[in-house]
Amino acid sequence: MILGVCEWLSLKLGWDVSMIRVAFVIGVLIFGAGLGLYLVLWVVKMFSE
């Protein structure tokens, strides 16, 4: 996505980045929580570097 959270998260978890992107898109479209989670993870990423 835009802020690099999916790639960062894939490196931390050892998962495929495309699977994480799909999970975020599904989270946004179905649950509406994906965008908030994405922003929270972006803040965590910024402070962990």
Protein backbone atom coordinates (compact mmCIF):
# COMPACT_ATOMS: atom_id res chain seq x y z
CA MET A 1 0.00 0.00 0.00
CA ILE A 2 1.15 3.56 0.45
CA LEU A 3 3.18 3.82 3.65
CA GLY A 4 5.18 0.59 3.45
CA VAL A 5 3.43 -1.11 6.36
CA CYS A 6 2.67 -4.32 4.49
CA GLU A 7 6.26 -4.83 3.42
CA TRP A 8 7.55 -4.01 6.91
CA LEU A 9 5.03 -6.39 8.49
CA SER A 10 5.91 -9.16 6.03
CA LEU A 11 9.58 -8.86 6.97
CA LYS A 12 8.75 -8.99 10.69
CA LEU A 13 6.40 -11.98 10.41
CA GLY A 14 8.11 -13.85 7.56
CA TRP A 15 4.89 -13.92 5.50
CA ASP A 16 4.34 -13.12 1.85
CA VAL A 17 3.68 -9.40 1.34
CA SER A 18 0.84 -10.01 -1.13
CA MET A 19 -1.07 -12.06 1.44
CA ILE A 20 -0.80 -9.23 3.97
CA ARG A 21 -2.00 -6.71 1.36
CA VAL A 22 -4.98 -8.89 0.53
CA ALA A 23 -5.80 -9.21 4.23
CA PHE A 24 -5.73 -5.42 4.66
CA VAL A 25 -7.98 -4.89 1.63
CA ILE A 26 -10.45 -7.46 2.91
CA GLY A 27 -10.30 -5.85 6.33
CA VAL A 28 -11.14 -2.45 4.87
CA LEU A 29 -13.92 -3.68 2.60
CA ILE A 30 -15.66 -6.08 4.96
CA PHE A 31 -14.86 -5.10 8.52
CA GLY A 32 -13.83 -1.46 8.15
CA ALA A 33 -11.04 -2.01 10.67
CA GLY A 34 -8.23 -2.46 8.17
CA LEU A 35 -7.60 1.26 7.69
CA GLY A 36 -7.36 1.97 11.42
CA LEU A 37 -5.09 -1.01 11.93
CA TYR A 38 -2.94 0.12 9.00
CA LEU A 39 -2.50 3.58 10.53
CA VAL A 40 -1.68 2.16 13.97
CA LEU A 41 0.93 -0.15 12.44
CA TRP A 42 2.39 2.79 10.49
CA VAL A 43 2.90 4.68 13.77
CA VAL A 44 4.52 1.61 15.34
CA LYS A 45 6.77 1.24 12.30
CA MET A 46 7.85 4.89 12.49
CA PHE A 47 8.86 4.60 16.15
CA SER A 48 10.58 1.21 15.80
CA GLU A 49 13.07 2.34 13.14
